[in-house]
Amino acid sequence: MQGKKKNFLKIVILGDSGVGKTTLLQQYVNKKVNAHSKPTIGADFSKKEITIDNTIVTLQIWDTAGQEKFQSLGYAFYRGADCCALVYDITNLKSFEDLTRWRDGFIEHAAPTDPNKFPFVLIGNKVDKEPERKVKSTDAQAWCKENGGMPYYETSAKENVAVEDAFIEMAKMAIKRESENQIFSLPDSIGGAGGAIKMSLKDDQRRNKTQVQKKMCDC
């Protein structure tokens, strides 16, 4: 039986301060939330290992600052992302209106090869506050359609509604992107020295084989 393939994927979570990015991350990774979380300064990350379609996936999920004065500190962490979650608060219209700015900022600083095909997921958080809703689901769906047809999830980080579904979707999209771009998986060691040596040896073997074939042809 063939062993499971291992992948290392990076997910970045963006959105205004107070929309619940940190709480979403806490709920997904730890299955509990801290009611007294402080605003993120710059960026912070957590890791979670899951299995999808016989593939072991290590997710490195980056929670970035939503406050404007700290946003520039998080730009350096956008690069290398395999998927991006754009989060807004369904009770806060401004957080929804700012989504385009967040999306454009990510594309500018992450510089994906093909911005039009980069996987985004939209998350409307705080459905536990439905009576206070200010953003219609239909408006969010229309925004997704206008911005490449990205998937849309309405969640409650506080009550753990659809949180895991949203992150699984991100992982699947990131795996698909990696497969389409034929990106090599990172080795178990983040340093990657072992993988680099193995690739170098394979390259040398291919070159030697080519040289032998060329000499046989010359003869």
Protein backbone atom coordinates (compact mmCIF):
# COMPACT_ATOMS: atom_id res chain seq x y z
CA MET A 1 0.00 0.00 0.00
CA GLN A 2 1.33 3.38 -0.98
CA GLY A 3 2.20 5.73 1.89
CA LYS A 4 0.37 8.95 2.45
CA LYS A 5 1.73 12.03 0.75
CA LYS A 6 2.64 14.92 3.05
CA ASN A 7 2.00 18.56 2.29
CA PHE A 8 2.82 21.78 4.10
CA LEU A 9 0.33 24.55 3.34
CA LYS A 10 0.19 28.17 4.43
CA ILE A 11 -3.11 29.97 4.98
CA VAL A 12 -3.42 33.69 5.75
CA ILE A 13 -6.48 35.19 7.48
CA LEU A 14 -7.30 38.84 6.70
CA GLY A 15 -9.99 41.29 7.74
CA ASP A 16 -10.76 44.31 9.89
CA SER A 17 -9.98 44.33 13.60
CA GLY A 18 -12.75 42.77 15.68
CA VAL A 19 -14.27 40.52 12.99
CA GLY A 20 -13.14 37.40 14.87
CA LYS A 21 -10.04 36.21 12.99
CA THR A 22 -8.20 35.16 16.15
CA THR A 23 -11.30 33.47 17.57
CA LEU A 24 -11.82 31.53 14.33
CA LEU A 25 -8.25 30.28 14.52
CA GLN A 26 -8.57 29.35 18.21
CA GLN A 27 -11.82 27.49 17.60
CA TYR A 28 -10.45 25.52 14.66
CA VAL A 29 -7.07 24.62 16.15
CA ASN A 30 -7.92 24.25 19.86
CA LYS A 31 -11.71 23.73 19.85
CA LYS A 32 -12.02 26.52 22.41
CA VAL A 33 -11.87 30.30 22.40
CA ASN A 34 -10.39 32.92 24.67
CA ALA A 35 -13.01 35.52 25.51
CA HIS A 36 -10.29 38.04 26.37
CA SER A 37 -8.10 37.82 23.25
CA LYS A 38 -6.02 40.91 22.59
CA PRO A 39 -5.70 42.47 19.11
CA THR A 40 -3.02 40.82 16.98
CA ILE A 41 0.09 42.93 16.41
CA GLY A 42 1.78 42.12 13.12
CA ALA A 43 1.00 38.41 12.74
CA ASP A 44 0.85 35.18 14.68
CA PHE A 45 0.39 31.60 13.52
CA SER A 46 -0.76 28.17 14.64
CA LYS A 47 -0.30 24.73 13.09
CA LYS A 48 -2.74 21.89 12.66
CA GLU A 49 -2.26 18.51 10.95
CA ILE A 50 -5.21 16.99 9.12
CA THR A 51 -5.77 14.25 6.53
CA ILE A 52 -7.61 14.97 3.28
CA ASP A 53 -8.07 12.30 0.60
CA ASN A 54 -5.17 10.20 1.89
CA THR A 55 -2.98 13.29 2.06
CA ILE A 56 -1.48 14.39 5.38
CA VAL A 57 -1.67 18.18 5.42
CA THR A 58 0.10 20.42 7.91
CA LEU A 59 -1.67 23.75 7.90
CA GLN A 60 0.28 26.81 9.02
CA ILE A 61 -2.46 29.38 9.63
CA TRP A 62 -1.43 33.03 9.97
CA ASP A 63 -3.61 35.44 11.92
CA THR A 64 -2.76 38.99 10.83
CA ALA A 65 -3.37 42.39 12.38
CA GLY A 66 -6.65 44.08 11.52
CA GLN A 67 -5.89 47.46 13.08
CA GLU A 68 -4.67 49.89 10.43
CA LYS A 69 -1.62 51.01 12.47
CA PHE A 70 -0.35 47.40 12.58
CA GLN A 71 -1.26 46.26 9.06
CA SER A 72 2.10 47.03 7.49
CA LEU A 73 3.75 44.68 10.02
CA GLY A 74 1.79 41.78 8.59
CA TYR A 75 2.61 42.34 4.90
CA ALA A 76 5.83 40.31 5.09
CA PHE A 77 3.82 37.24 6.12
CA TYR A 78 1.60 37.24 3.01
CA ARG A 79 4.26 35.78 0.72
CA GLY A 80 4.22 32.05 0.16
CA ALA A 81 0.54 31.72 1.08
CA ASP A 82 -1.38 28.88 -0.58
CA CYS A 83 -4.83 30.25 0.28
CA CYS A 84 -6.28 33.38 1.85
CA ALA A 85 -9.38 33.76 4.03
CA LEU A 86 -11.12 37.14 3.89
CA VAL A 87 -13.21 37.63 7.04
CA TYR A 88 -15.91 40.17 7.86
CA ASP A 89 -18.45 40.56 10.66
CA ILE A 90 -22.06 40.18 9.49
CA THR A 91 -23.09 42.85 12.05
CA ASN A 92 -20.50 45.36 10.79
CA LEU A 93 -21.14 46.84 7.34
CA LYS A 94 -17.77 48.60 7.18
CA SER A 95 -15.90 45.31 7.67
CA PHE A 96 -17.73 44.03 4.57
CA GLU A 97 -17.03 47.18 2.56
CA ASP A 98 -13.31 46.86 3.38
CA LEU A 99 -13.01 43.40 1.82
CA THR A 100 -11.87 44.70 -1.56
CA ARG A 101 -9.08 46.66 0.11
CA TRP A 102 -7.94 43.53 1.95
CA ARG A 103 -8.06 41.42 -1.20
CA ASP A 104 -6.16 43.99 -3.26
CA GLY A 105 -3.58 44.46 -0.49
CA PHE A 106 -2.96 40.73 -0.31
CA ILE A 107 -2.47 40.45 -4.07
CA GLU A 108 -0.08 43.42 -4.02
CA HIS A 109 2.13 42.15 -1.20
CA ALA A 110 1.87 38.37 -1.72
CA ALA A 111 2.43 38.79 -5.47
CA PRO A 112 0.89 35.46 -6.59
CA THR A 113 1.87 34.32 -10.08
CA ASP A 114 -1.73 34.46 -11.31
CA PRO A 115 -3.89 36.69 -9.05
CA ASN A 116 -7.06 35.74 -10.94
CA LYS A 117 -6.61 32.07 -10.04
CA PHE A 118 -5.35 32.46 -6.48
CA PRO A 119 -7.72 30.70 -4.01
CA PHE A 120 -9.65 33.00 -1.69
CA VAL A 121 -12.45 32.04 0.70
CA LEU A 122 -14.91 34.57 2.11
CA ILE A 123 -16.08 34.12 5.70
CA GLY A 124 -18.97 36.04 7.21
CA ASN A 125 -18.45 35.58 10.95
CA LYS A 126 -20.68 36.04 14.03
CA VAL A 127 -23.89 34.38 12.81
CA ASP A 128 -24.63 33.88 16.50
CA LYS A 129 -25.63 37.57 16.36
CA GLU A 130 -28.18 37.09 13.57
CA PRO A 131 -30.68 39.65 14.98
CA GLU A 132 -27.96 42.33 14.61
CA ARG A 133 -27.09 41.41 10.99
CA LYS A 134 -26.15 44.35 8.76
CA VAL A 135 -24.84 42.43 5.71
CA LYS A 136 -27.22 40.26 3.70
CA SER A 137 -26.01 36.83 2.63
CA THR A 138 -27.07 37.64 -0.93
CA ASP A 139 -24.81 40.72 -0.97
CA ALA A 140 -21.86 38.62 0.20
CA GLN A 141 -22.58 35.98 -2.45
CA ALA A 142 -22.77 38.68 -5.12
CA TRP A 143 -19.38 40.05 -3.97
CA CYS A 144 -17.88 36.57 -4.25
CA LYS A 145 -19.23 36.21 -7.78
CA GLU A 146 -17.73 39.58 -8.76
CA ASN A 147 -14.35 38.53 -7.36
CA GLY A 148 -13.63 35.25 -9.09
CA GLY A 149 -16.43 33.11 -7.69
CA MET A 150 -14.76 32.37 -4.34
CA PRO A 151 -16.53 30.05 -1.84
CA TYR A 152 -18.53 31.70 0.93
CA TYR A 153 -19.13 30.50 4.48
CA GLU A 154 -21.12 32.03 7.31
CA THR A 155 -19.62 31.04 10.64
CA SER A 156 -19.77 31.55 14.36
CA ALA A 157 -16.32 31.24 15.88
CA LYS A 158 -17.92 31.60 19.31
CA GLU A 159 -20.36 28.69 18.86
CA ASN A 160 -18.27 26.68 16.38
CA VAL A 161 -20.69 26.93 13.46
CA ALA A 162 -19.20 25.91 10.08
CA VAL A 163 -15.67 26.81 11.23
CA GLU A 164 -14.12 23.45 10.34
CA ASP A 165 -15.98 23.38 7.00
CA ALA A 166 -14.40 26.69 6.01
CA PHE A 167 -10.87 25.59 6.88
CA ILE A 168 -11.27 22.22 5.15
CA GLU A 169 -12.38 24.08 2.02
CA MET A 170 -9.25 26.24 2.22
CA ALA A 171 -7.03 23.19 2.59
CA LYS A 172 -8.64 21.50 -0.42
CA MET A 173 -8.25 24.64 -2.55
CA ALA A 174 -4.61 24.99 -1.50
CA ILE A 175 -3.91 21.33 -2.36
CA LYS A 176 -5.56 21.77 -5.76
CA ARG A 177 -3.49 24.89 -6.44
CA GLU A 178 -0.31 23.09 -5.41
CA SER A 179 -1.14 20.16 -7.68
CA GLU A 180 -1.92 22.39 -10.66
CA ASN A 181 1.26 24.39 -10.19
CA GLN A 182 3.30 21.20 -9.63
CA ILE A 183 4.84 22.63 -6.46
CA PHE A 184 7.05 20.20 -4.52
CA SER A 185 5.93 19.36 -0.98
CA LEU A 186 8.24 20.52 1.77
CA PRO A 187 10.18 17.80 3.65
CA ASP A 188 9.35 16.99 7.29
CA SER A 189 12.24 19.24 8.34
CA ILE A 190 11.27 22.86 7.73
CA GLY A 191 14.91 23.62 6.97
CA GLY A 192 14.61 21.46 3.90
CA ALA A 193 18.30 20.53 3.63
CA GLY A 194 17.57 16.83 3.20
CA GLY A 195 15.07 17.49 0.43
CA ALA A 196 17.48 19.83 -1.33
CA ILE A 197 20.24 17.18 -1.25
CA LYS A 198 17.90 14.52 -2.64
CA MET A 199 16.80 16.80 -5.48
CA SER A 200 20.42 17.65 -6.24
CA LEU A 201 21.34 13.97 -6.43
CA LYS A 202 18.44 13.28 -8.78
CA ASP A 203 19.50 16.18 -11.00
CA ASP A 204 23.06 14.82 -11.13
CA GLN A 205 21.78 11.37 -12.04
CA ARG A 206 19.70 12.78 -14.87
CA ARG A 207 22.65 14.80 -16.18
CA ASN A 208 24.96 11.77 -16.05
CA LYS A 209 22.40 9.65 -17.89
CA THR A 210 22.03 12.30 -20.57
CA GLN A 211 25.81 12.54 -21.00
CA VAL A 212 26.11 8.75 -21.39
CA GLN A 213 23.37 8.71 -23.98
CA LYS A 214 25.03 11.55 -25.88
CA LYS A 215 28.40 9.73 -25.94
CA MET A 216 26.73 6.58 -27.28
CA CYS A 217 25.13 8.63 -30.04
CA ASP A 218 28.46 10.30 -30.90
CA CYS A 219 30.03 6.90 -31.35
